[in-house]
Amino acid sequence: MTSSTGEPSQRWDARGYAENAWFVADLGMPVVDLLAPESGERILDLGCGDGALTEKLAAAGCDVVGADASAELVNAARARGLDARLINGEALDFTGEFDAVFSNAALHWMLQPDAVIDGVHRALKPGGRFVGEFGGAGNVATIASALEAALDRRGFDGKAANPWYFPSADEYAAKLTAHGFRVRSAELIERPTPLPTGMAGWLATFAGSFIAKVPVSEHGALLNEVLTEISSALKKPDGTWYADYVRLRFAADKPAG
């Protein structure tokens, strides 16, 4: 689910993703409903990950191409029998090919949003639609602040290690408009989300760019510091950990003429 113009900021392990982040696809189903895919449509799933939602689009009768910058996740999607391709989302090379571009929980990993939107616009047929959801302003703010502070205490620039782009709804709508889209909707949705394998599983899956800054011998200490700092805010009395998610859900159209 990553995309970058250089070395990926986040390394993915397909088995760990399936174990710790399967809920991401489940929470993406309302975005599939917003897309309203129709049988026979050609759809690009941008940041397809292991293909869980790509598979649902294919089951609906769509001709789907999955695109992701992680070779491991692309291979996991191909193992489902999907047309999944290793593609940089900031350098899409399609022209007038798709009826829709769909994206769930991926665009916040792509730090050149203008390049992404430009490529999506070019990839769509006239009248095509771009529908997605990703982290918006305030997403995982408590977790990110604790990770940044833990790195700062070790002499690293915590903010520089942050791999995410979390815009406001207005900011992203303005970018869509600037690249020729007509925006139908763009909204932030606060969604505190229970984590099936706890915060340790979430950090192991999604916080790799922070953890990789310190020697392996310090990984455990860093993670323990973060867990201690955020537990009062994100751990419930029954022991359930929550991620402080804020999602940006949007739908936009490429004009037909």
Protein backbone atom coordinates (compact mmCIF):
# COMPACT_ATOMS: atom_id res chain seq x y z
CA MET A 1 0.00 0.00 0.00
CA THR A 2 2.90 2.30 -0.36
CA SER A 3 4.07 4.49 -3.16
CA SER A 4 7.14 6.66 -3.40
CA THR A 5 9.59 8.03 -5.89
CA GLY A 6 12.57 6.58 -4.03
CA GLU A 7 12.99 3.87 -1.45
CA PRO A 8 9.63 3.00 0.13
CA SER A 9 9.18 4.66 3.52
CA GLN A 10 7.40 1.57 4.79
CA ARG A 11 8.28 -2.09 4.34
CA TRP A 12 5.41 -4.56 4.25
CA ASP A 13 5.18 -8.16 5.38
CA ALA A 14 2.19 -9.86 3.77
CA ARG A 15 1.71 -12.35 6.59
CA GLY A 16 1.91 -9.65 9.26
CA TYR A 17 -0.48 -7.46 7.30
CA ALA A 18 -3.02 -10.27 7.03
CA GLU A 19 -2.72 -10.95 10.77
CA ASN A 20 -2.72 -7.40 12.12
CA ALA A 21 -4.56 -5.32 9.51
CA TRP A 22 -7.33 -7.47 8.03
CA PHE A 23 -9.85 -5.01 9.50
CA VAL A 24 -8.71 -2.34 7.02
CA ALA A 25 -10.53 -4.06 4.16
CA ASP A 26 -13.64 -4.62 6.28
CA LEU A 27 -13.79 -0.91 7.12
CA GLY A 28 -13.39 -0.10 3.42
CA MET A 29 -16.72 -1.60 2.41
CA PRO A 30 -18.63 1.74 2.71
CA VAL A 31 -16.15 3.13 0.18
CA VAL A 32 -16.98 0.28 -2.18
CA ASP A 33 -20.65 1.21 -1.73
CA LEU A 34 -19.80 4.83 -2.57
CA LEU A 35 -18.01 3.63 -5.70
CA ALA A 36 -21.12 1.63 -6.70
CA PRO A 37 -19.21 -0.63 -9.10
CA GLU A 38 -21.11 -2.06 -12.04
CA SER A 39 -20.43 -5.33 -13.78
CA GLY A 40 -18.23 -4.87 -16.83
CA GLU A 41 -16.56 -1.67 -15.62
CA ARG A 42 -12.77 -1.45 -15.80
CA ILE A 43 -11.48 -0.29 -12.42
CA LEU A 44 -8.03 0.53 -11.05
CA ASP A 45 -7.59 -0.29 -7.35
CA LEU A 46 -4.83 2.13 -6.38
CA GLY A 47 -2.88 0.85 -3.39
CA CYS A 48 -4.56 -2.54 -3.52
CA GLY A 49 -2.47 -4.09 -0.75
CA ASP A 50 -3.07 -7.84 -0.53
CA GLY A 51 -6.13 -7.57 -2.77
CA ALA A 52 -8.92 -8.11 -0.23
CA LEU A 53 -11.10 -5.35 -1.70
CA THR A 54 -9.84 -5.87 -5.24
CA GLU A 55 -11.24 -9.37 -4.96
CA LYS A 56 -14.67 -8.00 -4.00
CA LEU A 57 -14.68 -5.68 -7.01
CA ALA A 58 -13.77 -8.58 -9.26
CA ALA A 59 -16.54 -10.68 -7.71
CA ALA A 60 -18.97 -7.90 -8.65
CA GLY A 61 -18.10 -8.53 -12.30
CA CYS A 62 -15.62 -5.70 -12.75
CA ASP A 63 -12.43 -5.93 -14.78
CA VAL A 64 -10.01 -4.85 -12.04
CA VAL A 65 -6.33 -3.97 -12.07
CA GLY A 66 -4.69 -3.83 -8.65
CA ALA A 67 -1.73 -1.48 -8.26
CA ASP A 68 0.68 -1.35 -5.34
CA ALA A 69 4.31 -0.39 -4.73
CA SER A 70 4.96 -3.31 -2.37
CA ALA A 71 6.17 -6.42 -4.17
CA GLU A 72 5.16 -8.60 -1.21
CA LEU A 73 1.60 -7.33 -1.19
CA VAL A 74 1.33 -7.52 -4.99
CA ASN A 75 2.37 -11.17 -4.77
CA ALA A 76 -0.26 -11.77 -2.08
CA ALA A 77 -2.89 -10.20 -4.35
CA ARG A 78 -1.76 -12.31 -7.29
CA ALA A 79 -2.11 -15.40 -5.09
CA ARG A 80 -5.84 -14.58 -5.00
CA GLY A 81 -5.87 -14.86 -8.79
CA LEU A 82 -6.00 -11.09 -9.33
CA ASP A 83 -4.37 -8.90 -11.97
CA ALA A 84 -2.07 -7.08 -9.53
CA ARG A 85 0.85 -5.00 -10.73
CA LEU A 86 3.89 -3.42 -9.08
CA ILE A 87 3.19 0.25 -9.77
CA ASN A 88 4.27 3.55 -8.24
CA GLY A 89 1.07 5.47 -7.52
CA GLU A 90 2.90 8.76 -8.04
CA ALA A 91 3.86 7.79 -11.60
CA LEU A 92 0.80 6.12 -13.11
CA ASP A 93 1.22 5.28 -16.78
CA PHE A 94 -2.34 4.82 -18.00
CA THR A 95 -4.30 6.98 -20.43
CA GLY A 96 -8.09 6.97 -20.73
CA GLU A 97 -8.31 3.34 -19.68
CA PHE A 98 -10.55 3.13 -16.59
CA ASP A 99 -14.18 3.80 -15.77
CA ALA A 100 -13.19 4.37 -12.14
CA VAL A 101 -10.19 4.57 -9.86
CA PHE A 102 -10.76 3.26 -6.34
CA SER A 103 -8.47 3.59 -3.33
CA ASN A 104 -8.80 2.54 0.29
CA ALA A 105 -6.32 3.27 3.10
CA ALA A 106 -3.46 3.93 0.69
CA LEU A 107 -3.30 7.55 -0.49
CA HIS A 108 -1.83 8.78 2.80
CA TRP A 109 1.33 6.78 2.01
CA MET A 110 1.83 8.74 -1.24
CA LEU A 111 3.61 11.96 -0.36
CA GLN A 112 3.22 13.61 -3.78
CA PRO A 113 -0.58 13.95 -3.93
CA ASP A 114 -0.57 16.25 -6.95
CA ALA A 115 1.32 13.65 -8.98
CA VAL A 116 -1.10 10.96 -7.83
CA ILE A 117 -4.21 12.98 -8.72
CA ASP A 118 -2.75 14.00 -12.09
CA GLY A 119 -2.06 10.37 -12.92
CA VAL A 120 -5.53 9.28 -11.83
CA HIS A 121 -7.16 11.98 -13.97
CA ARG A 122 -5.14 10.87 -16.98
CA ALA A 123 -5.95 7.19 -16.36
CA LEU A 124 -9.71 7.77 -16.33
CA LYS A 125 -12.00 7.81 -19.30
CA PRO A 126 -14.06 11.01 -19.76
CA GLY A 127 -16.88 10.80 -17.23
CA GLY A 128 -14.88 8.43 -15.02
CA ARG A 129 -14.87 8.67 -11.24
CA PHE A 130 -12.26 8.73 -8.49
CA VAL A 131 -13.53 7.39 -5.16
CA GLY A 132 -11.52 6.69 -2.06
CA GLU A 133 -10.82 6.91 1.62
CA PHE A 134 -7.55 7.49 3.45
CA GLY A 135 -6.14 9.14 6.55
CA GLY A 136 -7.21 12.76 6.95
CA ALA A 137 -6.17 15.64 9.18
CA GLY A 138 -5.80 14.41 12.76
CA ASN A 139 -5.49 10.73 11.81
CA VAL A 140 -3.53 8.72 14.42
CA ALA A 141 -2.39 12.01 15.94
CA THR A 142 -1.84 10.54 19.41
CA ILE A 143 0.19 7.63 18.06
CA ALA A 144 2.25 9.76 15.67
CA SER A 145 3.08 12.33 18.36
CA ALA A 146 4.33 9.61 20.71
CA LEU A 147 6.46 8.01 17.98
CA GLU A 148 7.95 11.37 17.00
CA ALA A 149 8.71 12.23 20.62
CA ALA A 150 10.40 8.86 21.22
CA LEU A 151 12.70 9.49 18.25
CA ASP A 152 13.36 13.09 19.32
CA ARG A 153 14.56 11.84 22.70
CA ARG A 154 17.10 9.68 20.87
CA GLY A 155 18.45 12.55 18.80
CA PHE A 156 16.48 11.85 15.63
CA ASP A 157 14.05 14.18 13.86
CA GLY A 158 10.74 12.51 14.64
CA LYS A 159 8.69 14.59 12.23
CA ALA A 160 11.08 13.78 9.39
CA ALA A 161 10.42 10.07 10.01
CA ASN A 162 6.66 10.54 9.67
CA PRO A 163 5.66 8.78 6.42
CA TRP A 164 2.09 10.05 6.13
CA TYR A 165 0.12 12.70 4.24
CA PHE A 166 -3.07 13.57 6.16
CA PRO A 167 -4.84 16.54 4.50
CA SER A 168 -8.03 18.30 5.47
CA ALA A 169 -11.12 17.73 3.35
CA ASP A 170 -10.91 21.25 1.96
CA GLU A 171 -7.23 20.86 1.06
CA TYR A 172 -7.77 17.62 -0.81
CA ALA A 173 -10.92 18.85 -2.54
CA ALA A 174 -8.95 21.87 -3.74
CA LYS A 175 -6.25 19.61 -5.19
CA LEU A 176 -8.85 17.48 -6.97
CA THR A 177 -10.44 20.60 -8.43
CA ALA A 178 -7.09 22.01 -9.51
CA HIS A 179 -6.42 18.84 -11.50
CA GLY A 180 -9.72 18.98 -13.35
CA PHE A 181 -12.07 16.94 -11.16
CA ARG A 182 -15.57 17.87 -10.12
CA VAL A 183 -15.82 17.03 -6.44
CA ARG A 184 -19.08 15.41 -5.36
CA SER A 185 -18.14 14.94 -1.73
CA ALA A 186 -15.16 15.17 0.62
CA GLU A 187 -15.51 14.76 4.37
CA LEU A 188 -13.54 13.83 7.46
CA ILE A 189 -14.92 10.94 9.51
CA GLU A 190 -13.75 10.36 13.08
CA ARG A 191 -13.56 6.61 13.57
CA PRO A 192 -11.83 5.31 16.70
CA THR A 193 -11.04 1.75 15.66
CA PRO A 194 -10.48 -1.31 17.88
CA LEU A 195 -7.29 -3.16 17.03
CA PRO A 196 -7.69 -6.95 16.84
CA THR A 197 -4.07 -7.68 17.76
CA GLY A 198 -3.57 -4.69 20.03
CA MET A 199 -1.41 -1.62 19.61
CA ALA A 200 1.79 -3.69 19.43
CA GLY A 201 0.47 -5.41 16.30
CA TRP A 202 -0.56 -2.09 14.76
CA LEU A 203 2.85 -0.53 15.41
CA ALA A 204 4.65 -3.56 14.00
CA THR A 205 2.59 -3.28 10.81
CA PHE A 206 2.33 0.46 10.21
CA ALA A 207 5.11 2.26 12.12
CA GLY A 208 8.09 0.71 10.40
CA SER A 209 9.52 4.02 9.16
CA PHE A 210 9.80 5.26 12.76
CA ILE A 211 11.11 2.03 14.26
CA ALA A 212 13.75 1.59 11.54
CA LYS A 213 15.47 4.82 12.61
CA VAL A 214 16.89 3.25 15.76
CA PRO A 215 19.15 0.20 16.18
CA VAL A 216 17.40 -3.15 16.51
CA SER A 217 18.61 -3.35 20.10
CA GLU A 218 16.47 -0.27 20.91
CA HIS A 219 13.26 -1.34 19.16
CA GLY A 220 11.73 -2.87 22.26
CA ALA A 221 12.49 0.11 24.48
CA LEU A 222 11.11 2.57 21.93
CA LEU A 223 7.89 0.62 21.52
CA ASN A 224 7.43 0.27 25.27
CA GLU A 225 7.82 4.03 25.67
CA VAL A 226 5.20 4.66 23.02
CA LEU A 227 2.76 2.16 24.50
CA THR A 228 3.15 3.67 27.95
CA GLU A 229 2.64 7.21 26.66
CA ILE A 230 -0.53 6.50 24.69
CA SER A 231 -2.19 3.89 26.90
CA SER A 232 -4.27 6.38 28.91
CA ALA A 233 -5.78 7.78 25.72
CA LEU A 234 -6.13 4.69 23.55
CA LYS A 235 -6.40 1.67 25.86
CA LYS A 236 -9.83 0.96 27.32
CA PRO A 237 -10.40 -0.47 30.82
CA ASP A 238 -11.19 -3.88 29.32
CA GLY A 239 -7.72 -3.93 27.71
CA THR A 240 -8.86 -3.17 24.15
CA TRP A 241 -6.56 -0.87 22.21
CA TYR A 242 -8.00 1.66 19.76
CA ALA A 243 -6.36 3.65 16.96
CA ASP A 244 -7.44 7.29 16.78
CA TYR A 245 -8.43 7.15 13.13
CA VAL A 246 -9.80 10.12 11.20
CA ARG A 247 -10.60 9.18 7.62
CA LEU A 248 -11.05 11.40 4.58
CA ARG A 249 -13.69 9.94 2.25
CA PHE A 250 -14.25 11.52 -1.16
CA ALA A 251 -15.86 11.08 -4.54
CA ALA A 252 -14.97 13.08 -7.66
CA ASP A 253 -15.66 12.87 -11.38
CA LYS A 254 -13.64 13.58 -14.50
CA PRO A 255 -15.88 15.73 -16.74
CA ALA A 256 -17.30 13.90 -19.73
CA GLY A 257 -16.52 16.66 -22.17
